[in-house]
Amino acid sequence: MENSETILMTGGTGFVGMQIVLQLLQKGYNVKTTVRSMSSKNKVLATLEAAGIKSFEKLDFIEAELTKDDNWAEAMKGCKYVISVASPVFFDIPKDENEAIRPAVEGIVRILKAAKNAGVKRVVMTSSFGAVGFSHTNKNTQTTEADWTDPNLKGLSTYEKSKGLSERAAWDFIRNEGGNLELSVINPVAILGPSLSTHISGSFDILKHMLDGSMKAIPGISLNIVDVRDVADLHIRAMTDPKANGERFIATADGQISMPEIAAFLEKIMPDVSKNVSKRSVPDWIINIASLFNSQAKTAAMFLNVNRNVSNSKAKQILGWKPIANNEDAIIASLESMLKFGIIK
């Protein structure tokens, strides 16, 4: 396929970003991707080559950081669309959560301003289900894109709070000073699936901690899962479809799966790898009591209350999106990647 449009990808070196770059190149787009340092360029090229990309004539790299104005105007030049996946990176959670939240909020506004000034048609922003459904606790209803998580919700992580507040800032910018710039937002649930490199999403930690035995007992928390390939596909659909303008889309496979169900599935499909998966369970009441004293338990208690009856019908009906992977498919693909790259043995 040949597409004449040029797309700017922010965060193209990450787990989701790399998958989007791969699919854009497969569709024949010209792609520019931002990197924090050009030292990562060769690794990206090698990863994409291993994934089947034969020519890199349509891929360019440019150094740019969310926390600085440098090079953003140059990065946007000639781009019709921007897909903004990048988030500020913190190797340690700051004691003051504003040190993580401020760069996320300022970063998306910086991107939107640069896109508007460059005459970009549309920005597609990667937000999170954490911005949508964590306050929705009525399990007799569906969680949809109309829902918003209260940023002051007890147990909400700094990362999820930063995602929610940065998405709100993005919509505020579009409403107040966006001009002709269009915005679409993707809100993925826990992202699993095949990785193109050792760079994986935080959601893999659930599997990793089960498999290495560091999760000493399995809580009865239910989850929603989506495959990274489906997340990438949804971004690209939201980029080009006129009906996606001004909309947010939850990215989730059909249904839900509990952590005990995941543990049982791991033992069933890969018993040799799953020898350390705990057979113990954690009653909900213990989590709720522990949440009074422990921040991790506080987050777990919040997850117990979240309504996991999550709708993906909007993306299906408006954008014709059809997830290729169910929950089990995404877990299997994740395990295969973790074995391939030595993340588990």
C-alpha atoms as a PDB file:
ATOM      1  CA  MET A   1       0.000   0.000   0.000  1.00  0.00           C
ATOM      2  CA  GLU A   2       1.060   3.576  -0.657  1.00  0.00           C
ATOM      3  CA  ASN A   3      -0.094   6.545   1.415  1.00  0.00           C
ATOM      4  CA  SER A   4       1.238  10.013   0.746  1.00  0.00           C
ATOM      5  CA  GLU A   5       0.398  11.393   4.200  1.00  0.00           C
ATOM      6  CA  THR A   6       3.110  11.885   6.802  1.00  0.00           C
ATOM      7  CA  ILE A   7       2.390  10.861  10.389  1.00  0.00           C
ATOM      8  CA  LEU A   8       4.272  12.047  13.464  1.00  0.00           C
ATOM      9  CA  MET A   9       4.507   9.397  16.171  1.00  0.00           C
ATOM     10  CA  THR A  10       5.491  10.490  19.659  1.00  0.00           C
ATOM     11  CA  GLY A  11       6.822   7.657  21.786  1.00  0.00           C
ATOM     12  CA  GLY A  12       7.534   5.406  18.820  1.00  0.00           C
ATOM     13  CA  THR A  13      10.147   3.416  20.738  1.00  0.00           C
ATOM     14  CA  GLY A  14       7.712   2.046  23.332  1.00  0.00           C
ATOM     15  CA  PHE A  15       5.613  -1.121  23.468  1.00  0.00           C
ATOM     16  CA  VAL A  16       2.499   0.448  21.933  1.00  0.00           C
ATOM     17  CA  GLY A  17       4.299   3.068  19.851  1.00  0.00           C
ATOM     18  CA  MET A  18       6.510   0.548  18.077  1.00  0.00           C
ATOM     19  CA  GLN A  19       3.471  -1.528  17.108  1.00  0.00           C
ATOM     20  CA  ILE A  20       1.774   1.577  15.673  1.00  0.00           C
ATOM     21  CA  VAL A  21       4.919   2.502  13.705  1.00  0.00           C
ATOM     22  CA  LEU A  22       5.035  -1.042  12.329  1.00  0.00           C
ATOM     23  CA  GLN A  23       1.410  -0.944  11.192  1.00  0.00           C
ATOM     24  CA  LEU A  24       1.775   2.554   9.696  1.00  0.00           C
ATOM     25  CA  LEU A  25       4.802   1.447   7.671  1.00  0.00           C
ATOM     26  CA  GLN A  26       2.956  -1.694   6.561  1.00  0.00           C
ATOM     27  CA  LYS A  27       0.165   0.569   5.306  1.00  0.00           C
ATOM     28  CA  GLY A  28       2.664   2.673   3.342  1.00  0.00           C
ATOM     29  CA  TYR A  29       2.568   5.901   5.368  1.00  0.00           C
ATOM     30  CA  ASN A  30       5.522   8.250   5.763  1.00  0.00           C
ATOM     31  CA  VAL A  31       6.369   8.146   9.468  1.00  0.00           C
ATOM     32  CA  LYS A  32       8.380  10.482  11.659  1.00  0.00           C
ATOM     33  CA  THR A  33       8.946   9.274  15.195  1.00  0.00           C
ATOM     34  CA  THR A  34      10.284  11.247  18.126  1.00  0.00           C
ATOM     35  CA  VAL A  35      13.032   9.763  20.283  1.00  0.00           C
ATOM     36  CA  ARG A  36      14.544  11.182  23.451  1.00  0.00           C
ATOM     37  CA  SER A  37      17.981  10.328  22.075  1.00  0.00           C
ATOM     38  CA  MET A  38      19.204   9.351  18.620  1.00  0.00           C
ATOM     39  CA  SER A  39      21.150   6.564  20.340  1.00  0.00           C
ATOM     40  CA  SER A  40      17.943   4.488  20.271  1.00  0.00           C
ATOM     41  CA  LYS A  41      17.539   4.790  16.473  1.00  0.00           C
ATOM     42  CA  ASN A  42      19.506   1.662  15.525  1.00  0.00           C
ATOM     43  CA  LYS A  43      17.630  -0.459  18.060  1.00  0.00           C
ATOM     44  CA  VAL A  44      14.300   0.691  16.607  1.00  0.00           C
ATOM     45  CA  LEU A  45      15.468  -0.071  13.065  1.00  0.00           C
ATOM     46  CA  ALA A  46      16.682  -3.544  14.068  1.00  0.00           C
ATOM     47  CA  THR A  47      13.388  -4.272  15.850  1.00  0.00           C
ATOM     48  CA  LEU A  48      11.283  -3.210  12.861  1.00  0.00           C
ATOM     49  CA  GLU A  49      13.507  -5.166  10.487  1.00  0.00           C
ATOM     50  CA  ALA A  50      13.006  -8.284  12.613  1.00  0.00           C
ATOM     51  CA  ALA A  51       9.250  -7.632  12.363  1.00  0.00           C
ATOM     52  CA  GLY A  52       9.416  -7.729   8.579  1.00  0.00           C
ATOM     53  CA  ILE A  53      10.051  -4.153   7.440  1.00  0.00           C
ATOM     54  CA  LYS A  54      12.422  -4.303   4.460  1.00  0.00           C
ATOM     55  CA  SER A  55      12.786  -0.604   3.581  1.00  0.00           C
ATOM     56  CA  PHE A  56      13.164   2.411   5.861  1.00  0.00           C
ATOM     57  CA  GLU A  57      12.850   5.132   3.207  1.00  0.00           C
ATOM     58  CA  LYS A  58       9.564   6.207   4.778  1.00  0.00           C
ATOM     59  CA  LEU A  59      10.812   6.389   8.382  1.00  0.00           C
ATOM     60  CA  ASP A  60      12.541   9.406   9.932  1.00  0.00           C
ATOM     61  CA  PHE A  61      13.667  10.117  13.492  1.00  0.00           C
ATOM     62  CA  ILE A  62      13.738  13.406  15.359  1.00  0.00           C
ATOM     63  CA  GLU A  63      14.883  14.170  18.905  1.00  0.00           C
ATOM     64  CA  ALA A  64      12.161  15.740  21.033  1.00  0.00           C
ATOM     65  CA  GLU A  65      11.057  15.529  24.660  1.00  0.00           C
ATOM     66  CA  LEU A  66       7.667  16.206  26.210  1.00  0.00           C
ATOM     67  CA  THR A  67       9.280  18.496  28.770  1.00  0.00           C
ATOM     68  CA  LYS A  68      10.989  20.815  26.251  1.00  0.00           C
ATOM     69  CA  ASP A  69       9.877  22.968  23.318  1.00  0.00           C
ATOM     70  CA  ASP A  70      12.974  22.047  21.282  1.00  0.00           C
ATOM     71  CA  ASN A  71      12.328  20.497  17.843  1.00  0.00           C
ATOM     72  CA  TRP A  72       8.557  20.110  18.135  1.00  0.00           C
ATOM     73  CA  ALA A  73       7.865  22.706  15.430  1.00  0.00           C
ATOM     74  CA  GLU A  74      10.356  20.923  13.175  1.00  0.00           C
ATOM     75  CA  ALA A  75       8.858  17.534  14.017  1.00  0.00           C
ATOM     76  CA  MET A  76       5.353  18.664  13.014  1.00  0.00           C
ATOM     77  CA  LYS A  77       6.380  20.105   9.639  1.00  0.00           C
ATOM     78  CA  GLY A  78       4.559  18.456   6.758  1.00  0.00           C
ATOM     79  CA  CYS A  79       2.549  16.131   9.009  1.00  0.00           C
ATOM     80  CA  LYS A  80      -1.167  15.609   8.418  1.00  0.00           C
ATOM     81  CA  TYR A  81      -1.698  13.565  11.571  1.00  0.00           C
ATOM     82  CA  VAL A  82      -0.025  13.142  14.955  1.00  0.00           C
ATOM     83  CA  ILE A  83      -0.361  10.020  17.108  1.00  0.00           C
ATOM     84  CA  SER A  84       0.737  10.908  20.625  1.00  0.00           C
ATOM     85  CA  VAL A  85       1.606   7.841  22.692  1.00  0.00           C
ATOM     86  CA  ALA A  86       4.529   9.265  24.660  1.00  0.00           C
ATOM     87  CA  SER A  87       4.278   9.740  28.416  1.00  0.00           C
ATOM     88  CA  PRO A  88       6.910  11.137  30.763  1.00  0.00           C
ATOM     89  CA  VAL A  89       9.211   8.398  32.050  1.00  0.00           C
ATOM     90  CA  PHE A  90       9.897   7.988  35.783  1.00  0.00           C
ATOM     91  CA  PHE A  91      12.109   5.186  37.035  1.00  0.00           C
ATOM     92  CA  ASP A  92      11.068   5.986  40.603  1.00  0.00           C
ATOM     93  CA  ILE A  93       7.684   7.350  41.587  1.00  0.00           C
ATOM     94  CA  PRO A  94       8.272  10.921  42.832  1.00  0.00           C
ATOM     95  CA  LYS A  95       7.304  11.674  46.429  1.00  0.00           C
ATOM     96  CA  ASP A  96       5.399  14.693  45.130  1.00  0.00           C
ATOM     97  CA  GLU A  97       2.930  13.313  42.579  1.00  0.00           C
ATOM     98  CA  ASN A  98       2.840  16.688  40.812  1.00  0.00           C
ATOM     99  CA  GLU A  99       6.385  15.975  39.590  1.00  0.00           C
ATOM    100  CA  ALA A 100       4.847  13.202  37.474  1.00  0.00           C
ATOM    101  CA  ILE A 101       1.504  14.837  36.685  1.00  0.00           C
ATOM    102  CA  ARG A 102       2.758  18.262  35.582  1.00  0.00           C
ATOM    103  CA  PRO A 103       5.048  16.957  32.782  1.00  0.00           C
ATOM    104  CA  ALA A 104       2.232  14.743  31.464  1.00  0.00           C
ATOM    105  CA  VAL A 105      -0.260  17.617  31.362  1.00  0.00           C
ATOM    106  CA  GLU A 106       2.221  20.147  29.994  1.00  0.00           C
ATOM    107  CA  GLY A 107       3.543  17.583  27.494  1.00  0.00           C
ATOM    108  CA  ILE A 108       0.220  16.948  25.742  1.00  0.00           C
ATOM    109  CA  VAL A 109      -0.568  20.664  25.663  1.00  0.00           C
ATOM    110  CA  ARG A 110       2.882  21.310  24.145  1.00  0.00           C
ATOM    111  CA  ILE A 111       2.153  18.730  21.427  1.00  0.00           C
ATOM    112  CA  LEU A 112      -1.307  20.133  20.700  1.00  0.00           C
ATOM    113  CA  LYS A 113       0.012  23.693  20.433  1.00  0.00           C
ATOM    114  CA  ALA A 114       2.767  22.633  18.053  1.00  0.00           C
ATOM    115  CA  ALA A 115       0.277  20.609  15.998  1.00  0.00           C
ATOM    116  CA  LYS A 116      -2.118  23.535  15.754  1.00  0.00           C
ATOM    117  CA  ASN A 117       0.670  25.931  14.726  1.00  0.00           C
ATOM    118  CA  ALA A 118       1.865  23.483  12.051  1.00  0.00           C
ATOM    119  CA  GLY A 119      -1.597  23.037  10.542  1.00  0.00           C
ATOM    120  CA  VAL A 120      -1.921  19.370  11.542  1.00  0.00           C
ATOM    121  CA  LYS A 121      -5.404  17.998  10.829  1.00  0.00           C
ATOM    122  CA  ARG A 122      -5.835  15.666  13.807  1.00  0.00           C
ATOM    123  CA  VAL A 123      -4.047  14.425  16.915  1.00  0.00           C
ATOM    124  CA  VAL A 124      -4.832  10.957  18.260  1.00  0.00           C
ATOM    125  CA  MET A 125      -3.901  10.775  21.937  1.00  0.00           C
ATOM    126  CA  THR A 126      -3.283   7.602  23.935  1.00  0.00           C
ATOM    127  CA  SER A 127      -4.983   8.021  27.292  1.00  0.00           C
ATOM    128  CA  SER A 128      -6.021   5.133  29.549  1.00  0.00           C
ATOM    129  CA  PHE A 129      -9.041   3.259  30.829  1.00  0.00           C
ATOM    130  CA  GLY A 130      -7.879   4.698  34.154  1.00  0.00           C
ATOM    131  CA  ALA A 131      -9.231   8.032  32.895  1.00  0.00           C
ATOM    132  CA  VAL A 132     -12.619   6.461  32.153  1.00  0.00           C
ATOM    133  CA  GLY A 133     -13.889   3.730  34.400  1.00  0.00           C
ATOM    134  CA  PHE A 134     -12.240   3.493  37.799  1.00  0.00           C
ATOM    135  CA  SER A 135     -14.978   5.501  39.534  1.00  0.00           C
ATOM    136  CA  HIS A 136     -17.733   3.420  37.947  1.00  0.00           C
ATOM    137  CA  THR A 137     -18.653   0.840  40.593  1.00  0.00           C
ATOM    138  CA  ASN A 138     -22.241  -0.047  39.607  1.00  0.00           C
ATOM    139  CA  LYS A 139     -21.758  -3.561  38.236  1.00  0.00           C
ATOM    140  CA  ASN A 140     -25.326  -3.737  36.926  1.00  0.00           C
ATOM    141  CA  THR A 141     -24.545  -1.182  34.222  1.00  0.00           C
ATOM    142  CA  GLN A 142     -21.970  -0.824  31.452  1.00  0.00           C
ATOM    143  CA  THR A 143     -18.880   1.383  31.597  1.00  0.00           C
ATOM    144  CA  THR A 144     -18.698   3.536  28.464  1.00  0.00           C
ATOM    145  CA  GLU A 145     -16.745   6.488  27.072  1.00  0.00           C
ATOM    146  CA  ALA A 146     -19.243   8.795  28.795  1.00  0.00           C
ATOM    147  CA  ASP A 147     -17.680   7.869  32.150  1.00  0.00           C
ATOM    148  CA  TRP A 148     -14.782   9.706  33.793  1.00  0.00           C
ATOM    149  CA  THR A 149     -12.605   8.628  36.708  1.00  0.00           C
ATOM    150  CA  ASP A 150     -12.507  11.052  39.640  1.00  0.00           C
ATOM    151  CA  PRO A 151      -8.839  12.164  39.773  1.00  0.00           C
ATOM    152  CA  ASN A 152      -9.078  12.208  43.581  1.00  0.00           C
ATOM    153  CA  LEU A 153     -10.287   8.604  43.783  1.00  0.00           C
ATOM    154  CA  LYS A 154      -8.767   6.710  46.720  1.00  0.00           C
ATOM    155  CA  GLY A 155      -6.227   4.165  45.452  1.00  0.00           C
ATOM    156  CA  LEU A 156      -5.709   5.766  42.029  1.00  0.00           C
ATOM    157  CA  SER A 157      -2.047   5.491  41.017  1.00  0.00           C
ATOM    158  CA  THR A 158       0.010   8.544  40.124  1.00  0.00           C
ATOM    159  CA  TYR A 159       0.387   7.194  36.594  1.00  0.00           C
ATOM    160  CA  GLU A 160      -3.365   6.761  36.066  1.00  0.00           C
ATOM    161  CA  LYS A 161      -4.058  10.152  37.626  1.00  0.00           C
ATOM    162  CA  SER A 162      -1.545  11.767  35.264  1.00  0.00           C
ATOM    163  CA  LYS A 163      -3.240  10.059  32.303  1.00  0.00           C
ATOM    164  CA  GLY A 164      -6.678  11.293  33.333  1.00  0.00           C
ATOM    165  CA  LEU A 165      -5.601  14.857  34.031  1.00  0.00           C
ATOM    166  CA  SER A 166      -3.590  15.073  30.805  1.00  0.00           C
ATOM    167  CA  GLU A 167      -6.595  13.861  28.803  1.00  0.00           C
ATOM    168  CA  ARG A 168      -8.801  16.473  30.478  1.00  0.00           C
ATOM    169  CA  ALA A 169      -6.174  19.112  29.644  1.00  0.00           C
ATOM    170  CA  ALA A 170      -6.179  17.973  26.003  1.00  0.00           C
ATOM    171  CA  TRP A 171      -9.952  18.321  25.669  1.00  0.00           C
ATOM    172  CA  ASP A 172      -9.813  21.713  27.424  1.00  0.00           C
ATOM    173  CA  PHE A 173      -7.171  22.915  24.941  1.00  0.00           C
ATOM    174  CA  ILE A 174      -9.230  21.776  21.945  1.00  0.00           C
ATOM    175  CA  ARG A 175     -12.355  23.403  23.352  1.00  0.00           C
ATOM    176  CA  ASN A 176     -10.733  26.725  24.274  1.00  0.00           C
ATOM    177  CA  GLU A 177      -7.945  27.301  21.759  1.00  0.00           C
ATOM    178  CA  GLY A 178      -7.783  24.358  19.377  1.00  0.00           C
ATOM    179  CA  GLY A 179      -9.069  26.246  16.339  1.00  0.00           C
ATOM    180  CA  ASN A 180      -9.370  23.780  13.453  1.00  0.00           C
ATOM    181  CA  LEU A 181      -7.254  21.098  15.136  1.00  0.00           C
ATOM    182  CA  GLU A 182      -9.117  17.826  15.667  1.00  0.00           C
ATOM    183  CA  LEU A 183      -8.641  15.409  18.574  1.00  0.00           C
ATOM    184  CA  SER A 184      -9.474  11.739  19.097  1.00  0.00           C
ATOM    185  CA  VAL A 185      -8.541   9.781  22.230  1.00  0.00           C
ATOM    186  CA  ILE A 186      -7.922   6.069  22.745  1.00  0.00           C
ATOM    187  CA  ASN A 187      -8.464   4.665  26.254  1.00  0.00           C
ATOM    188  CA  PRO A 188      -6.909   1.180  26.462  1.00  0.00           C
ATOM    189  CA  VAL A 189      -7.450  -1.247  29.327  1.00  0.00           C
ATOM    190  CA  ALA A 190      -4.549  -3.517  30.407  1.00  0.00           C
ATOM    191  CA  ILE A 191      -2.422  -3.974  27.269  1.00  0.00           C
ATOM    192  CA  LEU A 192      -0.933  -7.398  26.597  1.00  0.00           C
ATOM    193  CA  GLY A 193      -0.044  -9.246  23.390  1.00  0.00           C
ATOM    194  CA  PRO A 194       3.115  -9.768  21.364  1.00  0.00           C
ATOM    195  CA  SER A 195       6.080  -7.505  22.016  1.00  0.00           C
ATOM    196  CA  LEU A 196       8.474  -6.538  19.233  1.00  0.00           C
ATOM    197  CA  SER A 197      11.364  -6.170  21.708  1.00  0.00           C
ATOM    198  CA  THR A 198      12.227  -6.410  25.405  1.00  0.00           C
ATOM    199  CA  HIS A 199      10.183  -3.242  25.912  1.00  0.00           C
ATOM    200  CA  ILE A 200       6.854  -4.413  27.386  1.00  0.00           C
ATOM    201  CA  SER A 201       3.907  -2.718  29.049  1.00  0.00           C
ATOM    202  CA  GLY A 202       3.380  -2.474  32.790  1.00  0.00           C
ATOM    203  CA  SER A 203       0.450  -4.881  32.451  1.00  0.00           C
ATOM    204  CA  PHE A 204       2.935  -7.711  31.858  1.00  0.00           C
ATOM    205  CA  ASP A 205       3.887  -7.408  35.541  1.00  0.00           C
ATOM    206  CA  ILE A 206       0.687  -9.247  36.461  1.00  0.00           C
ATOM    207  CA  LEU A 207       1.838 -12.301  34.497  1.00  0.00           C
ATOM    208  CA  LYS A 208       5.458 -11.934  35.556  1.00  0.00           C
ATOM    209  CA  HIS A 209       4.651 -11.755  39.267  1.00  0.00           C
ATOM    210  CA  MET A 210       2.354 -14.775  39.006  1.00  0.00           C
ATOM    211  CA  LEU A 211       4.954 -16.815  37.129  1.00  0.00           C
ATOM    212  CA  ASP A 212       7.966 -15.955  39.279  1.00  0.00           C
ATOM    213  CA  GLY A 213       6.039 -16.615  42.502  1.00  0.00           C
ATOM    214  CA  SER A 214       6.397 -13.103  43.864  1.00  0.00           C
ATOM    215  CA  MET A 215       2.585 -12.880  43.896  1.00  0.00           C
ATOM    216  CA  LYS A 216       2.189 -15.024  47.011  1.00  0.00           C
ATOM    217  CA  ALA A 217      -1.588 -15.237  46.750  1.00  0.00           C
ATOM    218  CA  ILE A 218      -4.034 -14.435  43.960  1.00  0.00           C
ATOM    219  CA  PRO A 219      -6.603 -11.683  44.624  1.00  0.00           C
ATOM    220  CA  GLY A 220     -10.107 -12.045  43.198  1.00  0.00           C
ATOM    221  CA  ILE A 221      -9.720  -8.974  40.994  1.00  0.00           C
ATOM    222  CA  SER A 222     -11.260  -8.984  37.532  1.00  0.00           C
ATOM    223  CA  LEU A 223      -9.518  -7.305  34.607  1.00  0.00           C
ATOM    224  CA  ASN A 224     -10.173  -6.145  31.080  1.00  0.00           C
ATOM    225  CA  ILE A 225      -7.459  -6.929  28.547  1.00  0.00           C
ATOM    226  CA  VAL A 226      -6.643  -5.744  25.035  1.00  0.00           C
ATOM    227  CA  ASP A 227      -4.012  -6.926  22.560  1.00  0.00           C
ATOM    228  CA  VAL A 228      -1.408  -4.345  21.533  1.00  0.00           C
ATOM    229  CA  ARG A 229      -2.071  -5.086  17.842  1.00  0.00           C
ATOM    230  CA  ASP A 230      -5.715  -4.127  18.336  1.00  0.00           C
ATOM    231  CA  VAL A 231      -4.709  -0.956  20.201  1.00  0.00           C
ATOM    232  CA  ALA A 232      -2.482   0.058  17.271  1.00  0.00           C
ATOM    233  CA  ASP A 233      -5.233  -0.685  14.761  1.00  0.00           C
ATOM    234  CA  LEU A 234      -7.706   1.446  16.719  1.00  0.00           C
ATOM    235  CA  HIS A 235      -5.303   4.407  16.792  1.00  0.00           C
ATOM    236  CA  ILE A 236      -4.923   4.290  13.015  1.00  0.00           C
ATOM    237  CA  ARG A 237      -8.682   4.020  12.464  1.00  0.00           C
ATOM    238  CA  ALA A 238      -9.259   6.999  14.788  1.00  0.00           C
ATOM    239  CA  MET A 239      -6.593   8.929  12.873  1.00  0.00           C
ATOM    240  CA  THR A 240      -8.308   8.770   9.494  1.00  0.00           C
ATOM    241  CA  ASP A 241     -12.029   8.272  10.080  1.00  0.00           C
ATOM    242  CA  PRO A 242     -13.961  11.578   9.963  1.00  0.00           C
ATOM    243  CA  LYS A 243     -16.422  10.203  12.543  1.00  0.00           C
ATOM    244  CA  ALA A 244     -13.644   9.866  15.139  1.00  0.00           C
ATOM    245  CA  ASN A 245     -13.174  13.623  15.513  1.00  0.00           C
ATOM    246  CA  GLY A 246     -13.994  14.769  19.034  1.00  0.00           C
ATOM    247  CA  GLU A 247     -14.520  11.236  20.313  1.00  0.00           C
ATOM    248  CA  ARG A 248     -12.851   8.921  22.808  1.00  0.00           C
ATOM    249  CA  PHE A 249     -12.770   5.154  22.331  1.00  0.00           C
ATOM    250  CA  ILE A 250     -12.266   2.415  24.921  1.00  0.00           C
ATOM    251  CA  ALA A 251      -9.911  -0.273  23.603  1.00  0.00           C
ATOM    252  CA  THR A 252     -10.808  -3.608  25.170  1.00  0.00           C
ATOM    253  CA  ALA A 253     -11.350  -7.177  24.049  1.00  0.00           C
ATOM    254  CA  ASP A 254     -14.805  -8.623  24.664  1.00  0.00           C
ATOM    255  CA  GLY A 255     -15.574  -9.636  28.231  1.00  0.00           C
ATOM    256  CA  GLN A 256     -13.415  -9.759  31.326  1.00  0.00           C
ATOM    257  CA  ILE A 257     -11.143 -12.235  33.066  1.00  0.00           C
ATOM    258  CA  SER A 258     -10.315 -12.593  36.760  1.00  0.00           C
ATOM    259  CA  MET A 259      -6.827 -12.999  38.156  1.00  0.00           C
ATOM    260  CA  PRO A 260      -7.668 -16.505  39.498  1.00  0.00           C
ATOM    261  CA  GLU A 261      -8.856 -17.380  35.964  1.00  0.00           C
ATOM    262  CA  ILE A 262      -5.566 -16.049  34.549  1.00  0.00           C
ATOM    263  CA  ALA A 263      -3.582 -18.132  37.052  1.00  0.00           C
ATOM    264  CA  ALA A 264      -5.533 -21.269  36.135  1.00  0.00           C
ATOM    265  CA  PHE A 265      -5.096 -20.555  32.421  1.00  0.00           C
ATOM    266  CA  LEU A 266      -1.333 -20.126  32.810  1.00  0.00           C
ATOM    267  CA  GLU A 267      -1.059 -23.480  34.561  1.00  0.00           C
ATOM    268  CA  LYS A 268      -3.179 -25.126  31.880  1.00  0.00           C
ATOM    269  CA  ILE A 269      -1.352 -23.875  28.789  1.00  0.00           C
ATOM    270  CA  MET A 270       2.242 -23.772  30.090  1.00  0.00           C
ATOM    271  CA  PRO A 271       2.546 -25.992  33.164  1.00  0.00           C
ATOM    272  CA  ASP A 272       6.356 -26.090  33.023  1.00  0.00           C
ATOM    273  CA  VAL A 273       6.601 -22.296  33.119  1.00  0.00           C
ATOM    274  CA  SER A 274       3.817 -21.965  35.711  1.00  0.00           C
ATOM    275  CA  LYS A 275       5.248 -24.076  38.550  1.00  0.00           C
ATOM    276  CA  ASN A 276       5.589 -21.038  40.824  1.00  0.00           C
ATOM    277  CA  VAL A 277       2.044 -19.728  40.328  1.00  0.00           C
ATOM    278  CA  SER A 278       0.457 -19.520  43.768  1.00  0.00           C
ATOM    279  CA  LYS A 279      -2.428 -21.814  44.681  1.00  0.00           C
ATOM    280  CA  ARG A 280      -3.500 -19.469  47.471  1.00  0.00           C
ATOM    281  CA  SER A 281      -6.228 -16.871  47.132  1.00  0.00           C
ATOM    282  CA  VAL A 282      -6.753 -13.597  48.972  1.00  0.00           C
ATOM    283  CA  PRO A 283     -10.254 -12.966  50.343  1.00  0.00           C
ATOM    284  CA  ASP A 284     -11.689  -9.545  49.461  1.00  0.00           C
ATOM    285  CA  TRP A 285     -12.146  -8.630  53.114  1.00  0.00           C
ATOM    286  CA  ILE A 286      -8.416  -8.955  53.778  1.00  0.00           C
ATOM    287  CA  ILE A 287      -7.647  -6.594  50.896  1.00  0.00           C
ATOM    288  CA  ASN A 288     -10.191  -4.099  52.185  1.00  0.00           C
ATOM    289  CA  ILE A 289      -8.721  -4.153  55.704  1.00  0.00           C
ATOM    290  CA  ALA A 290      -5.146  -3.937  54.404  1.00  0.00           C
ATOM    291  CA  SER A 291      -6.124  -0.955  52.244  1.00  0.00           C
ATOM    292  CA  LEU A 292      -6.420   1.100  55.436  1.00  0.00           C
ATOM    293  CA  PHE A 293      -2.677   0.764  56.006  1.00  0.00           C
ATOM    294  CA  ASN A 294      -0.990  -0.078  52.686  1.00  0.00           C
ATOM    295  CA  SER A 295      -0.940   1.852  49.397  1.00  0.00           C
ATOM    296  CA  GLN A 296      -0.728  -1.286  47.205  1.00  0.00           C
ATOM    297  CA  ALA A 297      -3.700  -2.795  49.022  1.00  0.00           C
ATOM    298  CA  LYS A 298      -5.528   0.520  48.600  1.00  0.00           C
ATOM    299  CA  THR A 299      -5.127   0.217  44.815  1.00  0.00           C
ATOM    300  CA  ALA A 300      -6.197  -3.453  44.947  1.00  0.00           C
ATOM    301  CA  ALA A 301      -9.313  -2.501  46.917  1.00  0.00           C
ATOM    302  CA  MET A 302     -10.144   0.108  44.285  1.00  0.00           C
ATOM    303  CA  PHE A 303      -9.776  -2.534  41.538  1.00  0.00           C
ATOM    304  CA  LEU A 304     -12.128  -4.880  43.402  1.00  0.00           C
ATOM    305  CA  ASN A 305     -14.854  -2.238  43.167  1.00  0.00           C
ATOM    306  CA  VAL A 306     -14.371  -1.268  39.518  1.00  0.00           C
ATOM    307  CA  ASN A 307     -17.194  -2.288  37.186  1.00  0.00           C
ATOM    308  CA  ARG A 308     -15.553  -4.546  34.581  1.00  0.00           C
ATOM    309  CA  ASN A 309     -18.645  -4.734  32.386  1.00  0.00           C
ATOM    310  CA  VAL A 310     -16.883  -2.503  29.861  1.00  0.00           C
ATOM    311  CA  SER A 311     -18.355  -1.684  26.465  1.00  0.00           C
ATOM    312  CA  ASN A 312     -16.271  -1.669  23.283  1.00  0.00           C
ATOM    313  CA  SER A 313     -19.292  -1.159  21.031  1.00  0.00           C
ATOM    314  CA  LYS A 314     -18.481   2.473  20.212  1.00  0.00           C
ATOM    315  CA  ALA A 315     -15.190   1.595  18.487  1.00  0.00           C
ATOM    316  CA  LYS A 316     -16.888  -1.309  16.706  1.00  0.00           C
ATOM    317  CA  GLN A 317     -19.917   0.657  15.517  1.00  0.00           C
ATOM    318  CA  ILE A 318     -18.273   3.979  14.612  1.00  0.00           C
ATOM    319  CA  LEU A 319     -14.864   2.803  13.354  1.00  0.00           C
ATOM    320  CA  GLY A 320     -15.597  -0.773  12.259  1.00  0.00           C
ATOM    321  CA  TRP A 321     -12.963  -2.015  14.723  1.00  0.00           C
ATOM    322  CA  LYS A 322     -12.868  -5.787  15.257  1.00  0.00           C
ATOM    323  CA  PRO A 323     -10.387  -7.041  17.860  1.00  0.00           C
ATOM    324  CA  ILE A 324      -8.323  -9.913  16.460  1.00  0.00           C
ATOM    325  CA  ALA A 325      -7.477 -11.254  19.928  1.00  0.00           C
ATOM    326  CA  ASN A 326      -9.584 -12.332  22.895  1.00  0.00           C
ATOM    327  CA  ASN A 327      -8.289 -12.349  26.475  1.00  0.00           C
ATOM    328  CA  GLU A 328      -6.696 -15.786  26.189  1.00  0.00           C
ATOM    329  CA  ASP A 329      -5.069 -14.979  22.816  1.00  0.00           C
ATOM    330  CA  ALA A 330      -3.465 -11.856  24.286  1.00  0.00           C
ATOM    331  CA  ILE A 331      -2.155 -13.787  27.308  1.00  0.00           C
ATOM    332  CA  ILE A 332      -0.647 -16.525  25.113  1.00  0.00           C
ATOM    333  CA  ALA A 333       1.037 -13.944  22.861  1.00  0.00           C
ATOM    334  CA  SER A 334       2.415 -12.182  25.946  1.00  0.00           C
ATOM    335  CA  LEU A 335       3.852 -15.410  27.337  1.00  0.00           C
ATOM    336  CA  GLU A 336       5.501 -16.228  24.008  1.00  0.00           C
ATOM    337  CA  SER A 337       7.125 -12.781  23.941  1.00  0.00           C
ATOM    338  CA  MET A 338       8.295 -13.056  27.543  1.00  0.00           C
ATOM    339  CA  LEU A 339       9.940 -16.388  26.773  1.00  0.00           C
ATOM    340  CA  LYS A 340      11.418 -15.152  23.495  1.00  0.00           C
ATOM    341  CA  PHE A 341      13.083 -12.142  25.101  1.00  0.00           C
ATOM    342  CA  GLY A 342      14.128 -13.897  28.320  1.00  0.00           C
ATOM    343  CA  ILE A 343      11.772 -11.944  30.569  1.00  0.00           C
ATOM    344  CA  ILE A 344      10.675 -15.271  32.027  1.00  0.00           C
ATOM    345  CA  LYS A 345      12.438 -18.642  31.797  1.00  0.00           C
END
